[in-house]
PDB file of N, CA and C in Angstrom:
ATOM      1  N   MET A   1     -39.041 -19.333  -6.907  1.00  0.00           N
ATOM      2  CA  MET A   1     -38.159 -19.271  -5.767  1.00  0.00           C
ATOM      3  C   MET A   1     -36.712 -19.502  -6.199  1.00  0.00           C
ATOM      4  N   ALA A   2     -36.518 -20.427  -7.122  1.00  0.00           N
ATOM      5  CA  ALA A   2     -35.160 -20.710  -7.589  1.00  0.00           C
ATOM      6  C   ALA A   2     -34.606 -19.520  -8.365  1.00  0.00           C
ATOM      7  N   ASN A   3     -35.465 -18.799  -9.076  1.00  0.00           N
ATOM      8  CA  ASN A   3     -35.010 -17.632  -9.822  1.00  0.00           C
ATOM      9  C   ASN A   3     -34.545 -16.522  -8.876  1.00  0.00           C
ATOM     10  N   GLU A   4     -35.254 -16.364  -7.747  1.00  0.00           N
ATOM     11  CA  GLU A   4     -34.847 -15.360  -6.773  1.00  0.00           C
ATOM     12  C   GLU A   4     -33.486 -15.701  -6.178  1.00  0.00           C
ATOM     13  N   HIS A   5     -33.273 -16.972  -5.917  1.00  0.00           N
ATOM     14  CA  HIS A   5     -32.007 -17.394  -5.322  1.00  0.00           C
ATOM     15  C   HIS A   5     -30.844 -17.178  -6.305  1.00  0.00           C
ATOM     16  N   THR A   6     -31.030 -17.512  -7.553  1.00  0.00           N
ATOM     17  CA  THR A   6     -29.954 -17.334  -8.531  1.00  0.00           C
ATOM     18  C   THR A   6     -29.709 -15.861  -8.813  1.00  0.00           C
ATOM     19  N   ALA A   7     -30.746 -15.041  -8.781  1.00  0.00           N
ATOM     20  CA  ALA A   7     -30.568 -13.601  -9.000  1.00  0.00           C
ATOM     21  C   ALA A   7     -29.776 -12.986  -7.846  1.00  0.00           C
ATOM     22  N   ALA A   8     -30.059 -13.422  -6.624  1.00  0.00           N
ATOM     23  CA  ALA A   8     -29.325 -12.912  -5.468  1.00  0.00           C
ATOM     24  C   ALA A   8     -27.862 -13.356  -5.524  1.00  0.00           C
ATOM     25  N   GLU A   9     -27.636 -14.603  -5.946  1.00  0.00           N
ATOM     26  CA  GLU A   9     -26.252 -15.075  -6.088  1.00  0.00           C
ATOM     27  C   GLU A   9     -25.517 -14.295  -7.163  1.00  0.00           C
ATOM     28  N   GLU A  10     -26.198 -13.994  -8.259  1.00  0.00           N
ATOM     29  CA  GLU A  10     -25.585 -13.250  -9.363  1.00  0.00           C
ATOM     30  C   GLU A  10     -25.223 -11.833  -8.911  1.00  0.00           C
ATOM     31  N   ARG A  11     -26.116 -11.183  -8.169  1.00  0.00           N
ATOM     32  CA  ARG A  11     -25.812  -9.852  -7.649  1.00  0.00           C
ATOM     33  C   ARG A  11     -24.640  -9.887  -6.675  1.00  0.00           C
ATOM     34  N   SER A  12     -24.632 -10.893  -5.809  1.00  0.00           N
ATOM     35  CA  SER A  12     -23.547 -11.021  -4.843  1.00  0.00           C
ATOM     36  C   SER A  12     -22.218 -11.272  -5.545  1.00  0.00           C
ATOM     37  N   ARG A  13     -22.214 -12.121  -6.555  1.00  0.00           N
ATOM     38  CA  ARG A  13     -20.992 -12.407  -7.296  1.00  0.00           C
ATOM     39  C   ARG A  13     -20.549 -11.180  -8.066  1.00  0.00           C
ATOM     40  N   HIS A  14     -21.477 -10.430  -8.618  1.00  0.00           N
ATOM     41  CA  HIS A  14     -21.141  -9.236  -9.383  1.00  0.00           C
ATOM     42  C   HIS A  14     -20.571  -8.146  -8.471  1.00  0.00           C
ATOM     43  N   GLN A  15     -21.082  -8.031  -7.255  1.00  0.00           N
ATOM     44  CA  GLN A  15     -20.584  -7.021  -6.329  1.00  0.00           C
ATOM     45  C   GLN A  15     -19.175  -7.347  -5.860  1.00  0.00           C
ATOM     46  N   ARG A  16     -18.830  -8.638  -5.728  1.00  0.00           N
ATOM     47  CA  ARG A  16     -17.498  -9.019  -5.277  1.00  0.00           C
ATOM     48  C   ARG A  16     -16.448  -8.835  -6.362  1.00  0.00           C
ATOM     49  N   HIS A  17     -16.838  -8.983  -7.613  1.00  0.00           N
ATOM     50  CA  HIS A  17     -15.883  -8.896  -8.711  1.00  0.00           C
ATOM     51  C   HIS A  17     -15.658  -7.430  -9.075  1.00  0.00           C
ATOM     52  N   GLU A  18     -14.412  -6.958  -8.929  1.00  0.00           N
ATOM     53  CA  GLU A  18     -14.093  -5.564  -9.209  1.00  0.00           C
ATOM     54  C   GLU A  18     -13.834  -5.320 -10.682  1.00  0.00           C
ATOM     55  N   GLY A  19     -13.300  -6.292 -11.348  1.00  0.00           N
ATOM     56  CA  GLY A  19     -12.891  -6.090 -12.717  1.00  0.00           C
ATOM     57  C   GLY A  19     -11.467  -5.567 -12.764  1.00  0.00           C
ATOM     58  N   PRO A  20     -10.911  -5.490 -13.948  1.00  0.00           N
ATOM     59  CA  PRO A  20      -9.501  -5.095 -14.066  1.00  0.00           C
ATOM     60  C   PRO A  20      -9.263  -3.589 -13.995  1.00  0.00           C
ATOM     61  N   GLN A  21     -10.305  -2.776 -13.989  1.00  0.00           N
ATOM     62  CA  GLN A  21     -10.116  -1.331 -14.047  1.00  0.00           C
ATOM     63  C   GLN A  21      -9.295  -0.810 -12.866  1.00  0.00           C
ATOM     64  N   LYS A  22      -9.645  -1.207 -11.669  1.00  0.00           N
ATOM     65  CA  LYS A  22      -8.928  -0.715 -10.487  1.00  0.00           C
ATOM     66  C   LYS A  22      -7.505  -1.248 -10.447  1.00  0.00           C
ATOM     67  N   HIS A  23      -7.297  -2.463 -10.918  1.00  0.00           N
ATOM     68  CA  HIS A  23      -5.945  -3.012 -10.952  1.00  0.00           C
ATOM     69  C   HIS A  23      -5.084  -2.281 -11.980  1.00  0.00           C
ATOM     70  N   ILE A  24      -5.660  -1.944 -13.095  1.00  0.00           N
ATOM     71  CA  ILE A  24      -4.911  -1.203 -14.114  1.00  0.00           C
ATOM     72  C   ILE A  24      -4.547   0.185 -13.595  1.00  0.00           C
ATOM     73  N   ILE A  25      -5.504   0.847 -12.946  1.00  0.00           N
ATOM     74  CA  ILE A  25      -5.240   2.173 -12.394  1.00  0.00           C
ATOM     75  C   ILE A  25      -4.158   2.104 -11.311  1.00  0.00           C
ATOM     76  N   SER A  26      -4.232   1.110 -10.443  1.00  0.00           N
ATOM     77  CA  SER A  26      -3.222   0.991  -9.393  1.00  0.00           C
ATOM     78  C   SER A  26      -1.865   0.616  -9.977  1.00  0.00           C
ATOM     79  N   PHE A  27      -1.837  -0.170 -11.043  1.00  0.00           N
ATOM     80  CA  PHE A  27      -0.571  -0.509 -11.692  1.00  0.00           C
ATOM     81  C   PHE A  27       0.060   0.733 -12.311  1.00  0.00           C
ATOM     82  N   ILE A  28      -0.750   1.540 -12.978  1.00  0.00           N
ATOM     83  CA  ILE A  28      -0.238   2.787 -13.567  1.00  0.00           C
ATOM     84  C   ILE A  28       0.234   3.733 -12.470  1.00  0.00           C
ATOM     85  N   LEU A  29      -0.508   3.821 -11.369  1.00  0.00           N
ATOM     86  CA  LEU A  29      -0.091   4.661 -10.239  1.00  0.00           C
ATOM     87  C   LEU A  29       1.227   4.168  -9.649  1.00  0.00           C
ATOM     88  N   SER A  30       1.396   2.855  -9.549  1.00  0.00           N
ATOM     89  CA  SER A  30       2.656   2.303  -9.038  1.00  0.00           C
ATOM     90  C   SER A  30       3.819   2.643  -9.960  1.00  0.00           C
ATOM     91  N   ILE A  31       3.594   2.573 -11.260  1.00  0.00           N
ATOM     92  CA  ILE A  31       4.647   2.928 -12.218  1.00  0.00           C
ATOM     93  C   ILE A  31       4.995   4.404 -12.092  1.00  0.00           C
ATOM     94  N   ILE A  32       3.991   5.265 -11.956  1.00  0.00           N
ATOM     95  CA  ILE A  32       4.243   6.707 -11.823  1.00  0.00           C
ATOM     96  C   ILE A  32       5.035   6.994 -10.559  1.00  0.00           C
ATOM     97  N   LEU A  33       4.675   6.363  -9.450  1.00  0.00           N
ATOM     98  CA  LEU A  33       5.404   6.567  -8.199  1.00  0.00           C
ATOM     99  C   LEU A  33       6.848   6.093  -8.318  1.00  0.00           C
ATOM    100  N   THR A  34       7.061   4.987  -9.008  1.00  0.00           N
ATOM    101  CA  THR A  34       8.417   4.479  -9.211  1.00  0.00           C
ATOM    102  C   THR A  34       9.230   5.417 -10.084  1.00  0.00           C
ATOM    103  N   VAL A  35       8.606   5.954 -11.127  1.00  0.00           N
ATOM    104  CA  VAL A  35       9.308   6.891 -12.019  1.00  0.00           C
ATOM    105  C   VAL A  35       9.674   8.171 -11.268  1.00  0.00           C
ATOM    106  N   ILE A  36       8.792   8.651 -10.416  1.00  0.00           N
ATOM    107  CA  ILE A  36       9.091   9.856  -9.627  1.00  0.00           C
ATOM    108  C   ILE A  36      10.276   9.598  -8.705  1.00  0.00           C
ATOM    109  N   ALA A  37      10.281   8.449  -8.027  1.00  0.00           N
ATOM    110  CA  ALA A  37      11.390   8.120  -7.129  1.00  0.00           C
ATOM    111  C   ALA A  37      12.693   7.958  -7.910  1.00  0.00           C
ATOM    112  N   PHE A  38      12.631   7.277  -9.051  1.00  0.00           N
ATOM    113  CA  PHE A  38      13.829   7.094  -9.864  1.00  0.00           C
ATOM    114  C   PHE A  38      14.343   8.425 -10.395  1.00  0.00           C
ATOM    115  N   SER A  39      13.436   9.299 -10.806  1.00  0.00           N
ATOM    116  CA  SER A  39      13.840  10.611 -11.314  1.00  0.00           C
ATOM    117  C   SER A  39      14.495  11.455 -10.229  1.00  0.00           C
ATOM    118  N   ALA A  40      14.012  11.350  -9.013  1.00  0.00           N
ATOM    119  CA  ALA A  40      14.601  12.111  -7.908  1.00  0.00           C
ATOM    120  C   ALA A  40      16.034  11.662  -7.651  1.00  0.00           C
ATOM    121  N   VAL A  41      16.294  10.369  -7.794  1.00  0.00           N
ATOM    122  CA  VAL A  41      17.644   9.862  -7.584  1.00  0.00           C
ATOM    123  C   VAL A  41      18.527  10.162  -8.797  1.00  0.00           C
ATOM    124  N   ALA A  42      17.965  10.021  -9.993  1.00  0.00           N
ATOM    125  CA  ALA A  42      18.745  10.220 -11.217  1.00  0.00           C
ATOM    126  C   ALA A  42      19.160  11.675 -11.405  1.00  0.00           C
ATOM    127  N   ALA A  43      18.359  12.599 -10.918  1.00  0.00           N
ATOM    128  CA  ALA A  43      18.712  14.018 -11.016  1.00  0.00           C
ATOM    129  C   ALA A  43      19.735  14.316  -9.936  1.00  0.00           C
ATOM    130  N   GLY A  44      20.990  14.376 -10.297  1.00  0.00           N
ATOM    131  CA  GLY A  44      22.046  14.543  -9.323  1.00  0.00           C
ATOM    132  C   GLY A  44      22.122  15.931  -8.718  1.00  0.00           C
ATOM    133  N   GLU A  45      21.442  16.902  -9.308  1.00  0.00           N
ATOM    134  CA  GLU A  45      21.515  18.279  -8.825  1.00  0.00           C
ATOM    135  C   GLU A  45      20.545  18.575  -7.694  1.00  0.00           C
ATOM    136  N   VAL A  46      19.694  17.614  -7.364  1.00  0.00           N
ATOM    137  CA  VAL A  46      18.695  17.814  -6.319  1.00  0.00           C
ATOM    138  C   VAL A  46      19.364  17.613  -4.960  1.00  0.00           C
ATOM    139  N   ASN A  47      18.928  18.391  -3.984  1.00  0.00           N
ATOM    140  CA  ASN A  47      19.443  18.298  -2.624  1.00  0.00           C
ATOM    141  C   ASN A  47      19.252  16.868  -2.098  1.00  0.00           C
ATOM    142  N   GLU A  48      20.254  16.359  -1.401  1.00  0.00           N
ATOM    143  CA  GLU A  48      20.226  14.975  -0.920  1.00  0.00           C
ATOM    144  C   GLU A  48      19.098  14.748   0.086  1.00  0.00           C
ATOM    145  N   THR A  49      18.864  15.698   0.976  1.00  0.00           N
ATOM    146  CA  THR A  49      17.789  15.574   1.959  1.00  0.00           C
ATOM    147  C   THR A  49      16.426  15.543   1.269  1.00  0.00           C
ATOM    148  N   PHE A  50      16.258  16.395   0.274  1.00  0.00           N
ATOM    149  CA  PHE A  50      14.997  16.417  -0.480  1.00  0.00           C
ATOM    150  C   PHE A  50      14.790  15.098  -1.214  1.00  0.00           C
ATOM    151  N   THR A  51      15.868  14.523  -1.737  1.00  0.00           N
ATOM    152  CA  THR A  51      15.774  13.231  -2.427  1.00  0.00           C
ATOM    153  C   THR A  51      15.317  12.147  -1.458  1.00  0.00           C
ATOM    154  N   TYR A  52      15.871  12.150  -0.239  1.00  0.00           N
ATOM    155  CA  TYR A  52      15.438  11.165   0.758  1.00  0.00           C
ATOM    156  C   TYR A  52      13.971  11.340   1.120  1.00  0.00           C
ATOM    157  N   ILE A  53      13.541  12.570   1.252  1.00  0.00           N
ATOM    158  CA  ILE A  53      12.133  12.837   1.579  1.00  0.00           C
ATOM    159  C   ILE A  53      11.226  12.327   0.469  1.00  0.00           C
ATOM    160  N   ILE A  54      11.610  12.585  -0.782  1.00  0.00           N
ATOM    161  CA  ILE A  54      10.827  12.100  -1.923  1.00  0.00           C
ATOM    162  C   ILE A  54      10.782  10.570  -1.924  1.00  0.00           C
ATOM    163  N   LEU A  55      11.923   9.926  -1.709  1.00  0.00           N
ATOM    164  CA  LEU A  55      11.972   8.465  -1.713  1.00  0.00           C
ATOM    165  C   LEU A  55      11.092   7.863  -0.617  1.00  0.00           C
ATOM    166  N   ILE A  56      11.170   8.409   0.574  1.00  0.00           N
ATOM    167  CA  ILE A  56      10.362   7.883   1.676  1.00  0.00           C
ATOM    168  C   ILE A  56       8.876   8.135   1.427  1.00  0.00           C
ATOM    169  N   GLY A  57       8.548   9.320   0.930  1.00  0.00           N
ATOM    170  CA  GLY A  57       7.147   9.626   0.627  1.00  0.00           C
ATOM    171  C   GLY A  57       6.570   8.719  -0.440  1.00  0.00           C
ATOM    172  N   MET A  58       7.329   8.501  -1.517  1.00  0.00           N
ATOM    173  CA  MET A  58       6.857   7.621  -2.592  1.00  0.00           C
ATOM    174  C   MET A  58       6.751   6.174  -2.104  1.00  0.00           C
ATOM    175  N   ALA A  59       7.661   5.755  -1.224  1.00  0.00           N
ATOM    176  CA  ALA A  59       7.601   4.394  -0.688  1.00  0.00           C
ATOM    177  C   ALA A  59       6.357   4.198   0.181  1.00  0.00           C
ATOM    178  N   ILE A  60       6.045   5.181   0.988  1.00  0.00           N
ATOM    179  CA  ILE A  60       4.863   5.073   1.850  1.00  0.00           C
ATOM    180  C   ILE A  60       3.588   5.032   1.016  1.00  0.00           C
ATOM    181  N   ILE A  61       3.504   5.891   0.021  1.00  0.00           N
ATOM    182  CA  ILE A  61       2.331   5.880  -0.861  1.00  0.00           C
ATOM    183  C   ILE A  61       2.242   4.553  -1.602  1.00  0.00           C
ATOM    184  N   GLN A  62       3.392   4.044  -2.062  1.00  0.00           N
ATOM    185  CA  GLN A  62       3.435   2.771  -2.775  1.00  0.00           C
ATOM    186  C   GLN A  62       2.926   1.622  -1.897  1.00  0.00           C
ATOM    187  N   VAL A  63       3.300   1.638  -0.621  1.00  0.00           N
ATOM    188  CA  VAL A  63       2.841   0.591   0.299  1.00  0.00           C
ATOM    189  C   VAL A  63       1.321   0.634   0.429  1.00  0.00           C
ATOM    190  N   PHE A  64       0.752   1.816   0.576  1.00  0.00           N
ATOM    191  CA  PHE A  64      -0.699   1.917   0.707  1.00  0.00           C
ATOM    192  C   PHE A  64      -1.417   1.490  -0.572  1.00  0.00           C
ATOM    193  N   VAL A  65      -0.870   1.852  -1.724  1.00  0.00           N
ATOM    194  CA  VAL A  65      -1.475   1.425  -2.994  1.00  0.00           C
ATOM    195  C   VAL A  65      -1.428  -0.090  -3.105  1.00  0.00           C
ATOM    196  N   GLN A  66      -0.276  -0.682  -2.810  1.00  0.00           N
ATOM    197  CA  GLN A  66      -0.140  -2.135  -2.910  1.00  0.00           C
ATOM    198  C   GLN A  66      -1.080  -2.851  -1.944  1.00  0.00           C
ATOM    199  N   MET A  67      -1.159  -2.354  -0.714  1.00  0.00           N
ATOM    200  CA  MET A  67      -2.016  -3.013   0.273  1.00  0.00           C
ATOM    201  C   MET A  67      -3.490  -2.851  -0.063  1.00  0.00           C
ATOM    202  N   ALA A  68      -3.878  -1.701  -0.554  1.00  0.00           N
ATOM    203  CA  ALA A  68      -5.295  -1.461  -0.816  1.00  0.00           C
ATOM    204  C   ALA A  68      -5.786  -2.208  -2.045  1.00  0.00           C
ATOM    205  N   PHE A  69      -5.016  -2.190  -3.123  1.00  0.00           N
ATOM    206  CA  PHE A  69      -5.527  -2.734  -4.373  1.00  0.00           C
ATOM    207  C   PHE A  69      -5.047  -4.144  -4.676  1.00  0.00           C
ATOM    208  N   TRP A  70      -3.798  -4.466  -4.390  1.00  0.00           N
ATOM    209  CA  TRP A  70      -3.291  -5.790  -4.732  1.00  0.00           C
ATOM    210  C   TRP A  70      -3.541  -6.788  -3.620  1.00  0.00           C
ATOM    211  N   MET A  71      -3.446  -6.355  -2.366  1.00  0.00           N
ATOM    212  CA  MET A  71      -3.689  -7.267  -1.250  1.00  0.00           C
ATOM    213  C   MET A  71      -5.131  -7.161  -0.751  1.00  0.00           C
ATOM    214  N   HIS A  72      -5.938  -6.294  -1.331  1.00  0.00           N
ATOM    215  CA  HIS A  72      -7.362  -6.122  -1.033  1.00  0.00           C
ATOM    216  C   HIS A  72      -7.621  -5.822   0.442  1.00  0.00           C
ATOM    217  N   MET A  73      -6.743  -5.033   1.057  1.00  0.00           N
ATOM    218  CA  MET A  73      -6.944  -4.676   2.457  1.00  0.00           C
ATOM    219  C   MET A  73      -8.056  -3.653   2.633  1.00  0.00           C
ATOM    220  N   LYS A  74      -8.542  -3.079   1.550  1.00  0.00           N
ATOM    221  CA  LYS A  74      -9.624  -2.114   1.639  1.00  0.00           C
ATOM    222  C   LYS A  74     -10.976  -2.802   1.810  1.00  0.00           C
ATOM    223  N   ASP A  75     -11.033  -4.098   1.548  1.00  0.00           N
ATOM    224  CA  ASP A  75     -12.283  -4.841   1.631  1.00  0.00           C
ATOM    225  C   ASP A  75     -12.602  -5.207   3.070  1.00  0.00           C
ATOM    226  N   ARG A  76     -13.840  -5.593   3.290  1.00  0.00           N
ATOM    227  CA  ARG A  76     -14.262  -6.004   4.629  1.00  0.00           C
ATOM    228  C   ARG A  76     -13.623  -7.336   5.005  1.00  0.00           C
ATOM    229  N   GLY A  77     -13.475  -7.549   6.302  1.00  0.00           N
ATOM    230  CA  GLY A  77     -12.963  -8.811   6.786  1.00  0.00           C
ATOM    231  C   GLY A  77     -11.450  -8.880   6.877  1.00  0.00           C
ATOM    232  N   HIS A  78     -10.767  -7.760   6.758  1.00  0.00           N
ATOM    233  CA  HIS A  78      -9.310  -7.745   6.833  1.00  0.00           C
ATOM    234  C   HIS A  78      -8.819  -6.991   8.068  1.00  0.00           C
ATOM    235  N   VAL A  79      -9.611  -6.991   9.107  1.00  0.00           N
ATOM    236  CA  VAL A  79      -9.239  -6.259  10.316  1.00  0.00           C
ATOM    237  C   VAL A  79      -8.048  -6.919  10.999  1.00  0.00           C
ATOM    238  N   PHE A  80      -8.048  -8.238  11.100  1.00  0.00           N
ATOM    239  CA  PHE A  80      -6.955  -8.925  11.791  1.00  0.00           C
ATOM    240  C   PHE A  80      -5.617  -8.775  11.057  1.00  0.00           C
ATOM    241  N   PRO A  81      -5.555  -8.953   9.721  1.00  0.00           N
ATOM    242  CA  PRO A  81      -4.274  -8.717   9.052  1.00  0.00           C
ATOM    243  C   PRO A  81      -3.791  -7.277   9.171  1.00  0.00           C
ATOM    244  N   ILE A  82      -4.709  -6.316   9.108  1.00  0.00           N
ATOM    245  CA  ILE A  82      -4.319  -4.912   9.258  1.00  0.00           C
ATOM    246  C   ILE A  82      -3.783  -4.662  10.663  1.00  0.00           C
ATOM    247  N   PHE A  83      -4.436  -5.232  11.658  1.00  0.00           N
ATOM    248  CA  PHE A  83      -3.967  -5.101  13.037  1.00  0.00           C
ATOM    249  C   PHE A  83      -2.579  -5.722  13.200  1.00  0.00           C
ATOM    250  N   GLY A  84      -2.346  -6.871  12.587  1.00  0.00           N
ATOM    251  CA  GLY A  84      -1.043  -7.513  12.642  1.00  0.00           C
ATOM    252  C   GLY A  84       0.038  -6.681  11.980  1.00  0.00           C
ATOM    253  N   ILE A  85      -0.278  -6.078  10.841  1.00  0.00           N
ATOM    254  CA  ILE A  85       0.686  -5.223  10.152  1.00  0.00           C
ATOM    255  C   ILE A  85       1.004  -3.996  10.998  1.00  0.00           C
ATOM    256  N   LEU A  86      -0.009  -3.379  11.577  1.00  0.00           N
ATOM    257  CA  LEU A  86       0.222  -2.207  12.425  1.00  0.00           C
ATOM    258  C   LEU A  86       1.048  -2.563  13.657  1.00  0.00           C
ATOM    259  N   MET A  87       0.798  -3.708  14.251  1.00  0.00           N
ATOM    260  CA  MET A  87       1.607  -4.133  15.397  1.00  0.00           C
ATOM    261  C   MET A  87       3.049  -4.379  14.975  1.00  0.00           C
ATOM    262  N   GLY A  88       3.254  -4.959  13.792  1.00  0.00           N
ATOM    263  CA  GLY A  88       4.599  -5.165  13.279  1.00  0.00           C
ATOM    264  C   GLY A  88       5.324  -3.853  13.059  1.00  0.00           C
ATOM    265  N   VAL A  89       4.609  -2.857  12.526  1.00  0.00           N
ATOM    266  CA  VAL A  89       5.201  -1.537  12.318  1.00  0.00           C
ATOM    267  C   VAL A  89       5.580  -0.918  13.659  1.00  0.00           C
ATOM    268  N   CYS A  90       4.724  -1.058  14.657  1.00  0.00           N
ATOM    269  CA  CYS A  90       5.040  -0.524  15.995  1.00  0.00           C
ATOM    270  C   CYS A  90       6.270  -1.202  16.581  1.00  0.00           C
ATOM    271  N   VAL A  91       6.376  -2.510  16.414  1.00  0.00           N
ATOM    272  CA  VAL A  91       7.538  -3.232  16.929  1.00  0.00           C
ATOM    273  C   VAL A  91       8.808  -2.779  16.212  1.00  0.00           C
ATOM    274  N   VAL A  92       8.754  -2.642  14.898  1.00  0.00           N
ATOM    275  CA  VAL A  92       9.932  -2.216  14.140  1.00  0.00           C
ATOM    276  C   VAL A  92      10.351  -0.809  14.549  1.00  0.00           C
ATOM    277  N   PHE A  93       9.400   0.117  14.664  1.00  0.00           N
ATOM    278  CA  PHE A  93       9.741   1.473  15.087  1.00  0.00           C
ATOM    279  C   PHE A  93      10.346   1.475  16.494  1.00  0.00           C
ATOM    280  N   THR A  94       9.806   0.660  17.385  1.00  0.00           N
ATOM    281  CA  THR A  94      10.360   0.574  18.735  1.00  0.00           C
ATOM    282  C   THR A  94      11.793   0.050  18.702  1.00  0.00           C
ATOM    283  N   ILE A  95      12.042  -0.966  17.905  1.00  0.00           N
ATOM    284  CA  ILE A  95      13.397  -1.523  17.801  1.00  0.00           C
ATOM    285  C   ILE A  95      14.361  -0.501  17.234  1.00  0.00           C
ATOM    286  N   VAL A  96      13.947   0.206  16.190  1.00  0.00           N
ATOM    287  CA  VAL A  96      14.829   1.207  15.569  1.00  0.00           C
ATOM    288  C   VAL A  96      15.118   2.342  16.549  1.00  0.00           C
ATOM    289  N   ILE A  97      14.093   2.830  17.228  1.00  0.00           N
ATOM    290  CA  ILE A  97      14.285   3.931  18.175  1.00  0.00           C
ATOM    291  C   ILE A  97      15.180   3.490  19.334  1.00  0.00           C
ATOM    292  N   MET A  98      14.967   2.296  19.849  1.00  0.00           N
ATOM    293  CA  MET A  98      15.795   1.823  20.955  1.00  0.00           C
ATOM    294  C   MET A  98      17.235   1.565  20.498  1.00  0.00           C
ATOM    295  N   ALA A  99      17.430   1.087  19.282  1.00  0.00           N
ATOM    296  CA  ALA A  99      18.786   0.877  18.772  1.00  0.00           C
ATOM    297  C   ALA A  99      19.512   2.210  18.613  1.00  0.00           C
ATOM    298  N   GLU A 100      18.820   3.214  18.114  1.00  0.00           N
ATOM    299  CA  GLU A 100      19.421   4.543  17.991  1.00  0.00           C
ATOM    300  C   GLU A 100      19.750   5.115  19.366  1.00  0.00           C
ATOM    301  N   TYR A 101      18.856   4.931  20.296  1.00  0.00           N
ATOM    302  CA  TYR A 101      19.083   5.425  21.658  1.00  0.00           C
ATOM    303  C   TYR A 101      20.286   4.715  22.287  1.00  0.00           C
ATOM    304  N   TRP A 102      20.388   3.404  22.065  1.00  0.00           N
ATOM    305  CA  TRP A 102      21.467   2.627  22.621  1.00  0.00           C
ATOM    306  C   TRP A 102      22.814   3.049  22.028  1.00  0.00           C
ATOM    307  N   VAL A 103      22.838   3.313  20.712  1.00  0.00           N
ATOM    308  CA  VAL A 103      24.079   3.723  20.051  1.00  0.00           C
ATOM    309  C   VAL A 103      24.503   5.111  20.535  1.00  0.00           C
ATOM    310  N   TRP A 104      23.574   6.005  20.731  1.00  0.00           N
ATOM    311  CA  TRP A 104      23.901   7.371  21.136  1.00  0.00           C
ATOM    312  C   TRP A 104      24.160   7.494  22.634  1.00  0.00           C
ATOM    313  N   TRP A 105      23.824   6.504  23.400  1.00  0.00           N
ATOM    314  CA  TRP A 105      23.962   6.575  24.849  1.00  0.00           C
ATOM    315  C   TRP A 105      25.391   6.597  25.175  1.00  0.00           C
TER     316      TRP A 105
END
């Protein structure tokens, strides 16, 4: 009976431990995204609007990579923090839109 209990604990512990592979891949992906954004800015011949689009796109992808792999938001049990982040994003977008509307009024 004790062997069954320790085997189940070992399997559970092994399933929770991801290992460094995913962290290394996400770190390399973060570096690549940063290099792409830096290259878009460093290349002065690129259209300014296109540069902004690249920067915003790379930033959004970077946020998802950071949240999924470094903050472990992809795992179970993170519904409340994700809900809080989404509510914060909604509040920020509302504030920005209302500020723009107020300035243009």
